[in-house]
Amino acid sequence: MSGVSGAGGDMKAPEGLVTVLKGILGVLVAFAGWELVRQTGFIDKRDLPAVLDVLGAAFSGLTQGDMSLALFETLRSWISGLALATLIGIAAGIALALLPGLELATRPILEFLRPIPSVALIPVALLVLGIGTSMQLFMIVFAAVWPVLFSTKAGVESIDPRYLETGRVLGFKRAERVMRILLPASLPYIATGIRTAAAIALVLAITVEMLTGRPGIGFYIENVRLNGLTAEMWGGILVTGIFGYLVNTLFIVLERLVLPWSPENRDG
C-alpha cells in the first residue's frame, strides 16, 4: 500500500506542472489571436497595438510612470471599502439569522435595495456626498456588502442547533456563543462571501475612478485613452486584470491555509 501511496504522491508534481503549462499555453494562444486580429485589419492597428507594445507600456508604467501610484490609490480605497463591507455584512448577517423578527421587518427593504445596480447610485452619491473618499467608499460598501451579509446569514442558519444548546448548558452568554460557536462554524461561508465581495469591490473602485475622476487605475486608464495613448491604456487594463487575478488567488490560498476544515478545501 505504501508503494501505491508513494506513486500517487509522485503524480501531484507532474499534474501541477501540466496545469501551469496549460495556463501558459492559453496565454500564448490569446496573444496569437490578438496579433491575428491586428494583421487582418478587422480592428485599426492604432486602436489595437502590438502585444509587445502593451507589455512594454505596462512594465514602464509600473516601474517608471504613474501607473504604480494609481494602482496604489485603487488598492487603498479597495481595502478600506472591503473592510467596511465585511464588518457590516458579518454583523448584519448574524443579527438577521439570530433575530427572526428583525429579518421579517427588514426583508422588504433588503429585497428592494439588493437588486439595484450599484453604478446607478453614483449620481445620487455624487449629489449627497460629493466627489471624495466618502462617496467612493459608500459605493464600494453598497456593492460589496451583500455577498458577505447573505453568506454570513446562511452560515449561521446552517449551524446545528445542538451546538448552541451545548453552549447554553456550558453557561456561555449570547456574546460568547457568537464568538466561540457561531463565528468559527460560519467562517467557511463568510470566507466565500468575502472572496466574492473582494472582486465586486475592485470593480466598483475602478468604475467610480473612471466615471468621477477619482485617483486610481481607473482614472489612469481613462486619462491615457483621452490622450490617445492606446498602448498605455491597454497596459493599464492588463495590469488591472492581473491584479484582479492575484487578489482572487490570494483569497483562495488564505482560505486553504486558515480554513482547512472547509468542505471546499477537503481532499475528500
C-alpha atoms as a PDB file:
ATOM      1  CA  MET A   1       0.000   0.000   0.000  1.00  0.00           C
ATOM      2  CA  SER A   2       2.884   2.337   0.761  1.00  0.00           C
ATOM      3  CA  GLY A   3       4.179   1.910  -2.775  1.00  0.00           C
ATOM      4  CA  VAL A   4       0.791   2.856  -4.175  1.00  0.00           C
ATOM      5  CA  SER A   5       0.611   5.880  -1.894  1.00  0.00           C
ATOM      6  CA  GLY A   6       4.089   6.931  -2.942  1.00  0.00           C
ATOM      7  CA  ALA A   7       3.202   6.630  -6.598  1.00  0.00           C
ATOM      8  CA  GLY A   8       0.078   8.704  -6.051  1.00  0.00           C
ATOM      9  CA  GLY A   9       2.078  11.363  -4.264  1.00  0.00           C
ATOM     10  CA  ASP A  10       4.637  11.458  -7.080  1.00  0.00           C
ATOM     11  CA  MET A  11       1.850  12.176  -9.556  1.00  0.00           C
ATOM     12  CA  LYS A  12       0.974  15.514  -7.942  1.00  0.00           C
ATOM     13  CA  ALA A  13       4.035  17.363  -9.184  1.00  0.00           C
ATOM     14  CA  PRO A  14       3.552  16.440 -12.883  1.00  0.00           C
ATOM     15  CA  GLU A  15      -0.147  17.306 -12.643  1.00  0.00           C
ATOM     16  CA  GLY A  16       0.718  20.705 -11.202  1.00  0.00           C
ATOM     17  CA  LEU A  17       3.281  21.252 -13.946  1.00  0.00           C
ATOM     18  CA  VAL A  18       0.738  20.319 -16.603  1.00  0.00           C
ATOM     19  CA  THR A  19      -1.707  22.852 -15.140  1.00  0.00           C
ATOM     20  CA  VAL A  20       0.917  25.605 -15.286  1.00  0.00           C
ATOM     21  CA  LEU A  21       1.877  24.684 -18.846  1.00  0.00           C
ATOM     22  CA  LYS A  22      -1.781  24.732 -19.903  1.00  0.00           C
ATOM     23  CA  GLY A  23      -2.133  28.208 -18.409  1.00  0.00           C
ATOM     24  CA  ILE A  24       0.951  29.442 -20.261  1.00  0.00           C
ATOM     25  CA  LEU A  25      -0.314  27.890 -23.474  1.00  0.00           C
ATOM     26  CA  GLY A  26      -3.660  29.632 -23.037  1.00  0.00           C
ATOM     27  CA  VAL A  27      -1.930  32.995 -22.620  1.00  0.00           C
ATOM     28  CA  LEU A  28       0.190  32.399 -25.733  1.00  0.00           C
ATOM     29  CA  VAL A  29      -2.884  31.435 -27.744  1.00  0.00           C
ATOM     30  CA  ALA A  30      -4.619  34.629 -26.589  1.00  0.00           C
ATOM     31  CA  PHE A  31      -1.604  36.701 -27.649  1.00  0.00           C
ATOM     32  CA  ALA A  32      -1.526  34.942 -31.024  1.00  0.00           C
ATOM     33  CA  GLY A  33      -5.221  35.645 -31.506  1.00  0.00           C
ATOM     34  CA  TRP A  34      -4.606  39.296 -30.608  1.00  0.00           C
ATOM     35  CA  GLU A  35      -1.909  39.604 -33.286  1.00  0.00           C
ATOM     36  CA  LEU A  36      -4.058  37.768 -35.823  1.00  0.00           C
ATOM     37  CA  VAL A  37      -6.870  40.278 -35.328  1.00  0.00           C
ATOM     38  CA  ARG A  38      -4.372  43.106 -35.815  1.00  0.00           C
ATOM     39  CA  GLN A  39      -2.969  41.658 -39.011  1.00  0.00           C
ATOM     40  CA  THR A  40      -6.381  41.054 -40.551  1.00  0.00           C
ATOM     41  CA  GLY A  41      -7.203  44.732 -40.135  1.00  0.00           C
ATOM     42  CA  PHE A  42     -10.548  43.931 -38.535  1.00  0.00           C
ATOM     43  CA  ILE A  43      -9.616  46.499 -35.866  1.00  0.00           C
ATOM     44  CA  ASP A  44      -7.454  49.506 -36.636  1.00  0.00           C
ATOM     45  CA  LYS A  45      -3.872  48.889 -35.514  1.00  0.00           C
ATOM     46  CA  ARG A  46      -3.860  52.312 -33.895  1.00  0.00           C
ATOM     47  CA  ASP A  47      -6.606  51.092 -31.552  1.00  0.00           C
ATOM     48  CA  LEU A  48      -5.089  47.649 -31.042  1.00  0.00           C
ATOM     49  CA  PRO A  49      -1.334  47.962 -30.510  1.00  0.00           C
ATOM     50  CA  ALA A  50       1.056  45.030 -30.661  1.00  0.00           C
ATOM     51  CA  VAL A  51       1.272  42.722 -27.669  1.00  0.00           C
ATOM     52  CA  LEU A  52       4.908  43.671 -27.073  1.00  0.00           C
ATOM     53  CA  ASP A  53       3.974  47.358 -27.042  1.00  0.00           C
ATOM     54  CA  VAL A  54       1.236  46.693 -24.481  1.00  0.00           C
ATOM     55  CA  LEU A  55       3.575  44.648 -22.297  1.00  0.00           C
ATOM     56  CA  GLY A  56       6.219  47.356 -22.557  1.00  0.00           C
ATOM     57  CA  ALA A  57       3.735  50.075 -21.633  1.00  0.00           C
ATOM     58  CA  ALA A  58       2.561  48.065 -18.632  1.00  0.00           C
ATOM     59  CA  PHE A  59       6.112  47.437 -17.452  1.00  0.00           C
ATOM     60  CA  SER A  60       7.279  51.027 -17.904  1.00  0.00           C
ATOM     61  CA  GLY A  61       4.101  52.362 -16.306  1.00  0.00           C
ATOM     62  CA  LEU A  62       4.639  50.253 -13.216  1.00  0.00           C
ATOM     63  CA  THR A  63       8.358  50.942 -12.911  1.00  0.00           C
ATOM     64  CA  GLN A  64       8.747  54.484 -14.223  1.00  0.00           C
ATOM     65  CA  GLY A  65       5.338  56.079 -14.774  1.00  0.00           C
ATOM     66  CA  ASP A  66       2.232  56.977 -12.831  1.00  0.00           C
ATOM     67  CA  MET A  67       0.559  53.587 -13.120  1.00  0.00           C
ATOM     68  CA  SER A  68       2.063  52.228  -9.907  1.00  0.00           C
ATOM     69  CA  LEU A  69       0.843  55.264  -7.931  1.00  0.00           C
ATOM     70  CA  ALA A  70      -2.606  54.914  -9.492  1.00  0.00           C
ATOM     71  CA  LEU A  71      -2.703  51.226  -8.607  1.00  0.00           C
ATOM     72  CA  PHE A  72      -1.738  52.052  -5.019  1.00  0.00           C
ATOM     73  CA  GLU A  73      -4.639  54.517  -4.755  1.00  0.00           C
ATOM     74  CA  THR A  74      -7.064  51.905  -6.061  1.00  0.00           C
ATOM     75  CA  LEU A  75      -5.639  49.345  -3.652  1.00  0.00           C
ATOM     76  CA  ARG A  76      -6.115  51.707  -0.720  1.00  0.00           C
ATOM     77  CA  SER A  77      -9.744  52.502  -1.492  1.00  0.00           C
ATOM     78  CA  TRP A  78     -10.462  48.853  -2.293  1.00  0.00           C
ATOM     79  CA  ILE A  79      -9.080  47.608   1.038  1.00  0.00           C
ATOM     80  CA  SER A  80     -10.937  50.283   3.014  1.00  0.00           C
ATOM     81  CA  GLY A  81     -14.260  49.626   1.287  1.00  0.00           C
ATOM     82  CA  LEU A  82     -13.917  45.846   1.517  1.00  0.00           C
ATOM     83  CA  ALA A  83     -13.052  46.041   5.229  1.00  0.00           C
ATOM     84  CA  LEU A  84     -16.137  48.153   5.955  1.00  0.00           C
ATOM     85  CA  ALA A  85     -18.366  45.909   3.846  1.00  0.00           C
ATOM     86  CA  THR A  86     -17.013  42.846   5.662  1.00  0.00           C
ATOM     87  CA  LEU A  87     -17.661  44.262   9.140  1.00  0.00           C
ATOM     88  CA  ILE A  88     -21.142  45.481   8.256  1.00  0.00           C
ATOM     89  CA  GLY A  89     -22.035  42.298   6.376  1.00  0.00           C
ATOM     90  CA  ILE A  90     -20.918  39.943   9.151  1.00  0.00           C
ATOM     91  CA  ALA A  91     -22.694  41.925  11.879  1.00  0.00           C
ATOM     92  CA  ALA A  92     -25.897  42.277   9.855  1.00  0.00           C
ATOM     93  CA  GLY A  93     -25.844  38.644   8.723  1.00  0.00           C
ATOM     94  CA  ILE A  94     -25.522  37.346  12.286  1.00  0.00           C
ATOM     95  CA  ALA A  95     -28.254  39.696  13.519  1.00  0.00           C
ATOM     96  CA  LEU A  96     -30.685  38.684  10.782  1.00  0.00           C
ATOM     97  CA  ALA A  97     -30.035  34.992  11.379  1.00  0.00           C
ATOM     98  CA  LEU A  98     -30.483  35.204  15.159  1.00  0.00           C
ATOM     99  CA  LEU A  99     -33.403  37.636  15.244  1.00  0.00           C
ATOM    100  CA  PRO A 100     -36.290  36.370  13.085  1.00  0.00           C
ATOM    101  CA  GLY A 101     -38.353  39.468  13.888  1.00  0.00           C
ATOM    102  CA  LEU A 102     -35.627  41.742  12.579  1.00  0.00           C
ATOM    103  CA  GLU A 103     -35.285  39.627   9.445  1.00  0.00           C
ATOM    104  CA  LEU A 104     -39.012  39.871   8.733  1.00  0.00           C
ATOM    105  CA  ALA A 105     -39.059  43.624   9.349  1.00  0.00           C
ATOM    106  CA  THR A 106     -36.077  44.380   7.104  1.00  0.00           C
ATOM    107  CA  ARG A 107     -36.752  41.854   4.334  1.00  0.00           C
ATOM    108  CA  PRO A 108     -38.744  44.268   2.089  1.00  0.00           C
ATOM    109  CA  ILE A 109     -36.017  46.913   2.349  1.00  0.00           C
ATOM    110  CA  LEU A 110     -33.214  44.434   1.669  1.00  0.00           C
ATOM    111  CA  GLU A 111     -35.042  42.878  -1.266  1.00  0.00           C
ATOM    112  CA  PHE A 112     -35.601  46.367  -2.690  1.00  0.00           C
ATOM    113  CA  LEU A 113     -32.004  47.566  -2.263  1.00  0.00           C
ATOM    114  CA  ARG A 114     -30.174  44.396  -3.235  1.00  0.00           C
ATOM    115  CA  PRO A 115     -31.113  44.303  -6.969  1.00  0.00           C
ATOM    116  CA  ILE A 116     -30.294  47.986  -7.564  1.00  0.00           C
ATOM    117  CA  PRO A 117     -27.216  48.233  -9.836  1.00  0.00           C
ATOM    118  CA  SER A 118     -24.509  49.962  -7.830  1.00  0.00           C
ATOM    119  CA  VAL A 119     -23.456  52.139 -10.757  1.00  0.00           C
ATOM    120  CA  ALA A 120     -26.986  53.569 -10.906  1.00  0.00           C
ATOM    121  CA  LEU A 121     -26.431  55.123  -7.472  1.00  0.00           C
ATOM    122  CA  ILE A 122     -23.339  57.079  -8.493  1.00  0.00           C
ATOM    123  CA  PRO A 123     -25.345  60.246  -9.403  1.00  0.00           C
ATOM    124  CA  VAL A 124     -27.117  60.068  -6.024  1.00  0.00           C
ATOM    125  CA  ALA A 125     -23.836  59.530  -4.183  1.00  0.00           C
ATOM    126  CA  LEU A 126     -22.258  62.465  -6.007  1.00  0.00           C
ATOM    127  CA  LEU A 127     -25.201  64.682  -5.167  1.00  0.00           C
ATOM    128  CA  VAL A 128     -25.234  63.766  -1.472  1.00  0.00           C
ATOM    129  CA  LEU A 129     -21.563  63.085  -0.728  1.00  0.00           C
ATOM    130  CA  GLY A 130     -19.728  64.927  -3.485  1.00  0.00           C
ATOM    131  CA  ILE A 131     -16.570  63.761  -5.239  1.00  0.00           C
ATOM    132  CA  GLY A 132     -14.474  62.443  -2.403  1.00  0.00           C
ATOM    133  CA  THR A 133     -13.319  59.434  -0.464  1.00  0.00           C
ATOM    134  CA  SER A 134     -16.636  59.058   1.366  1.00  0.00           C
ATOM    135  CA  MET A 135     -18.540  58.777  -1.915  1.00  0.00           C
ATOM    136  CA  GLN A 136     -16.184  56.122  -3.272  1.00  0.00           C
ATOM    137  CA  LEU A 137     -16.287  54.147  -0.032  1.00  0.00           C
ATOM    138  CA  PHE A 138     -20.081  54.292   0.018  1.00  0.00           C
ATOM    139  CA  MET A 139     -20.278  52.879  -3.498  1.00  0.00           C
ATOM    140  CA  ILE A 140     -17.814  50.080  -2.739  1.00  0.00           C
ATOM    141  CA  VAL A 141     -19.543  49.155   0.528  1.00  0.00           C
ATOM    142  CA  PHE A 142     -23.025  49.189  -1.006  1.00  0.00           C
ATOM    143  CA  ALA A 143     -21.953  46.822  -3.766  1.00  0.00           C
ATOM    144  CA  ALA A 144     -19.747  44.510  -1.707  1.00  0.00           C
ATOM    145  CA  VAL A 145     -21.800  44.136   1.477  1.00  0.00           C
ATOM    146  CA  TRP A 146     -24.458  41.826   0.014  1.00  0.00           C
ATOM    147  CA  PRO A 147     -22.344  38.693  -0.583  1.00  0.00           C
ATOM    148  CA  VAL A 148     -20.878  38.940   2.919  1.00  0.00           C
ATOM    149  CA  LEU A 149     -24.251  39.584   4.551  1.00  0.00           C
ATOM    150  CA  PHE A 150     -26.147  36.733   2.917  1.00  0.00           C
ATOM    151  CA  SER A 151     -23.227  34.282   3.154  1.00  0.00           C
ATOM    152  CA  THR A 152     -22.904  35.012   6.867  1.00  0.00           C
ATOM    153  CA  LYS A 153     -26.642  34.623   7.349  1.00  0.00           C
ATOM    154  CA  ALA A 154     -26.625  31.299   5.507  1.00  0.00           C
ATOM    155  CA  GLY A 155     -23.646  30.120   7.541  1.00  0.00           C
ATOM    156  CA  VAL A 156     -25.264  30.914  10.875  1.00  0.00           C
ATOM    157  CA  GLU A 157     -28.563  29.330   9.820  1.00  0.00           C
ATOM    158  CA  SER A 158     -26.757  26.130   8.788  1.00  0.00           C
ATOM    159  CA  ILE A 159     -25.291  25.533  12.263  1.00  0.00           C
ATOM    160  CA  ASP A 160     -26.693  22.559  14.123  1.00  0.00           C
ATOM    161  CA  PRO A 161     -28.904  23.939  16.960  1.00  0.00           C
ATOM    162  CA  ARG A 162     -27.378  21.359  19.265  1.00  0.00           C
ATOM    163  CA  TYR A 163     -24.111  23.281  19.216  1.00  0.00           C
ATOM    164  CA  LEU A 164     -25.857  26.377  20.545  1.00  0.00           C
ATOM    165  CA  GLU A 165     -27.697  24.313  23.126  1.00  0.00           C
ATOM    166  CA  THR A 166     -24.386  22.910  24.287  1.00  0.00           C
ATOM    167  CA  GLY A 167     -23.127  26.467  24.694  1.00  0.00           C
ATOM    168  CA  ARG A 168     -26.116  27.327  26.840  1.00  0.00           C
ATOM    169  CA  VAL A 169     -25.546  24.267  29.015  1.00  0.00           C
ATOM    170  CA  LEU A 170     -21.931  25.305  29.496  1.00  0.00           C
ATOM    171  CA  GLY A 171     -23.109  28.708  30.644  1.00  0.00           C
ATOM    172  CA  PHE A 172     -21.982  30.749  27.614  1.00  0.00           C
ATOM    173  CA  LYS A 173     -23.654  34.121  27.307  1.00  0.00           C
ATOM    174  CA  ARG A 174     -25.010  35.237  23.914  1.00  0.00           C
ATOM    175  CA  ALA A 175     -21.818  37.148  23.042  1.00  0.00           C
ATOM    176  CA  GLU A 176     -19.711  34.113  23.959  1.00  0.00           C
ATOM    177  CA  ARG A 177     -21.889  31.824  21.852  1.00  0.00           C
ATOM    178  CA  VAL A 178     -21.449  34.154  18.895  1.00  0.00           C
ATOM    179  CA  MET A 179     -17.665  34.392  19.260  1.00  0.00           C
ATOM    180  CA  ARG A 180     -16.939  30.770  20.252  1.00  0.00           C
ATOM    181  CA  ILE A 181     -19.569  28.843  18.307  1.00  0.00           C
ATOM    182  CA  LEU A 182     -21.322  30.843  15.591  1.00  0.00           C
ATOM    183  CA  LEU A 183     -18.343  32.625  14.044  1.00  0.00           C
ATOM    184  CA  PRO A 184     -15.962  29.632  13.851  1.00  0.00           C
ATOM    185  CA  ALA A 185     -18.685  27.408  12.401  1.00  0.00           C
ATOM    186  CA  SER A 186     -19.721  30.063   9.871  1.00  0.00           C
ATOM    187  CA  LEU A 187     -16.213  31.024   8.729  1.00  0.00           C
ATOM    188  CA  PRO A 188     -16.235  28.909   5.523  1.00  0.00           C
ATOM    189  CA  TYR A 189     -19.435  30.663   4.412  1.00  0.00           C
ATOM    190  CA  ILE A 190     -18.094  34.063   5.437  1.00  0.00           C
ATOM    191  CA  ALA A 191     -14.821  33.465   3.578  1.00  0.00           C
ATOM    192  CA  THR A 192     -16.702  32.654   0.378  1.00  0.00           C
ATOM    193  CA  GLY A 193     -18.753  35.816   0.759  1.00  0.00           C
ATOM    194  CA  ILE A 194     -15.651  37.947   1.330  1.00  0.00           C
ATOM    195  CA  ARG A 195     -13.925  36.469  -1.726  1.00  0.00           C
ATOM    196  CA  THR A 196     -16.932  37.319  -3.881  1.00  0.00           C
ATOM    197  CA  ALA A 197     -17.169  40.773  -2.316  1.00  0.00           C
ATOM    198  CA  ALA A 198     -13.478  41.428  -2.998  1.00  0.00           C
ATOM    199  CA  ALA A 199     -13.987  41.096  -6.754  1.00  0.00           C
ATOM    200  CA  ILE A 200     -17.113  43.271  -6.676  1.00  0.00           C
ATOM    201  CA  ALA A 201     -15.359  45.916  -4.575  1.00  0.00           C
ATOM    202  CA  LEU A 202     -12.475  46.083  -7.041  1.00  0.00           C
ATOM    203  CA  VAL A 203     -14.854  46.536  -9.978  1.00  0.00           C
ATOM    204  CA  LEU A 204     -16.688  49.365  -8.192  1.00  0.00           C
ATOM    205  CA  ALA A 205     -13.484  51.086  -7.125  1.00  0.00           C
ATOM    206  CA  ILE A 206     -12.237  51.195 -10.723  1.00  0.00           C
ATOM    207  CA  THR A 207     -15.646  52.158 -12.135  1.00  0.00           C
ATOM    208  CA  VAL A 208     -16.004  55.091  -9.747  1.00  0.00           C
ATOM    209  CA  GLU A 209     -12.493  56.266 -10.664  1.00  0.00           C
ATOM    210  CA  MET A 210     -13.331  56.146 -14.361  1.00  0.00           C
ATOM    211  CA  LEU A 211     -16.630  57.999 -14.066  1.00  0.00           C
ATOM    212  CA  THR A 212     -15.723  60.619 -11.462  1.00  0.00           C
ATOM    213  CA  GLY A 213     -12.001  61.217 -11.948  1.00  0.00           C
ATOM    214  CA  ARG A 214     -11.067  59.887  -8.514  1.00  0.00           C
ATOM    215  CA  PRO A 215      -7.333  58.993  -8.332  1.00  0.00           C
ATOM    216  CA  GLY A 216      -6.654  55.374  -9.215  1.00  0.00           C
ATOM    217  CA  ILE A 217      -6.034  52.921 -12.005  1.00  0.00           C
ATOM    218  CA  GLY A 218      -9.500  53.565 -13.430  1.00  0.00           C
ATOM    219  CA  PHE A 219      -8.761  57.265 -13.862  1.00  0.00           C
ATOM    220  CA  TYR A 220      -5.324  56.398 -15.269  1.00  0.00           C
ATOM    221  CA  ILE A 221      -6.868  54.199 -17.976  1.00  0.00           C
ATOM    222  CA  GLU A 222      -9.454  56.826 -18.889  1.00  0.00           C
ATOM    223  CA  ASN A 223      -6.879  59.628 -18.882  1.00  0.00           C
ATOM    224  CA  VAL A 224      -4.420  57.900 -21.232  1.00  0.00           C
ATOM    225  CA  ARG A 225      -7.319  56.950 -23.504  1.00  0.00           C
ATOM    226  CA  LEU A 226      -8.393  60.555 -23.812  1.00  0.00           C
ATOM    227  CA  ASN A 227      -4.814  61.482 -24.668  1.00  0.00           C
ATOM    228  CA  GLY A 228      -4.616  58.882 -27.448  1.00  0.00           C
ATOM    229  CA  LEU A 229      -2.093  56.640 -25.668  1.00  0.00           C
ATOM    230  CA  THR A 230      -3.645  53.331 -26.653  1.00  0.00           C
ATOM    231  CA  ALA A 231      -0.684  51.155 -25.655  1.00  0.00           C
ATOM    232  CA  GLU A 232      -0.719  52.695 -22.183  1.00  0.00           C
ATOM    233  CA  MET A 233      -4.495  52.239 -21.999  1.00  0.00           C
ATOM    234  CA  TRP A 234      -4.250  48.536 -22.834  1.00  0.00           C
ATOM    235  CA  GLY A 235      -1.291  48.250 -20.466  1.00  0.00           C
ATOM    236  CA  GLY A 236      -3.430  49.636 -17.655  1.00  0.00           C
ATOM    237  CA  ILE A 237      -6.227  47.188 -18.494  1.00  0.00           C
ATOM    238  CA  LEU A 238      -3.716  44.327 -18.488  1.00  0.00           C
ATOM    239  CA  VAL A 239      -2.349  45.326 -15.090  1.00  0.00           C
ATOM    240  CA  THR A 240      -5.884  45.613 -13.741  1.00  0.00           C
ATOM    241  CA  GLY A 241      -6.724  42.103 -14.934  1.00  0.00           C
ATOM    242  CA  ILE A 242      -3.548  40.663 -13.430  1.00  0.00           C
ATOM    243  CA  PHE A 243      -4.243  42.455 -10.153  1.00  0.00           C
ATOM    244  CA  GLY A 244      -7.775  41.027 -10.010  1.00  0.00           C
ATOM    245  CA  TYR A 245      -6.458  37.541 -10.713  1.00  0.00           C
ATOM    246  CA  LEU A 246      -3.850  37.838  -7.960  1.00  0.00           C
ATOM    247  CA  VAL A 247      -6.462  39.084  -5.493  1.00  0.00           C
ATOM    248  CA  ASN A 248      -8.705  36.083  -6.154  1.00  0.00           C
ATOM    249  CA  THR A 249      -5.747  33.683  -5.931  1.00  0.00           C
ATOM    250  CA  LEU A 250      -4.639  35.245  -2.643  1.00  0.00           C
ATOM    251  CA  PHE A 251      -8.067  34.748  -1.086  1.00  0.00           C
ATOM    252  CA  ILE A 252      -8.196  31.124  -2.249  1.00  0.00           C
ATOM    253  CA  VAL A 253      -4.762  30.419  -0.741  1.00  0.00           C
ATOM    254  CA  LEU A 254      -5.714  32.105   2.526  1.00  0.00           C
ATOM    255  CA  GLU A 255      -8.918  30.055   2.730  1.00  0.00           C
ATOM    256  CA  ARG A 256      -6.949  26.837   2.312  1.00  0.00           C
ATOM    257  CA  LEU A 257      -4.437  27.835   4.983  1.00  0.00           C
ATOM    258  CA  VAL A 258      -6.825  29.294   7.554  1.00  0.00           C
ATOM    259  CA  LEU A 259      -9.891  27.098   6.961  1.00  0.00           C
ATOM    260  CA  PRO A 260      -8.646  23.577   6.239  1.00  0.00           C
ATOM    261  CA  TRP A 261     -11.906  22.148   7.626  1.00  0.00           C
ATOM    262  CA  SER A 262     -13.983  23.931   4.987  1.00  0.00           C
ATOM    263  CA  PRO A 263     -15.826  21.481   2.668  1.00  0.00           C
ATOM    264  CA  GLU A 264     -14.279  23.236  -0.348  1.00  0.00           C
ATOM    265  CA  ASN A 265     -10.755  22.570   0.988  1.00  0.00           C
ATOM    266  CA  ARG A 266     -11.145  18.920   1.923  1.00  0.00           C
ATOM    267  CA  ASP A 267      -9.373  16.406  -0.259  1.00  0.00           C
ATOM    268  CA  GLY A 268     -12.299  14.023   0.047  1.00  0.00           C
END
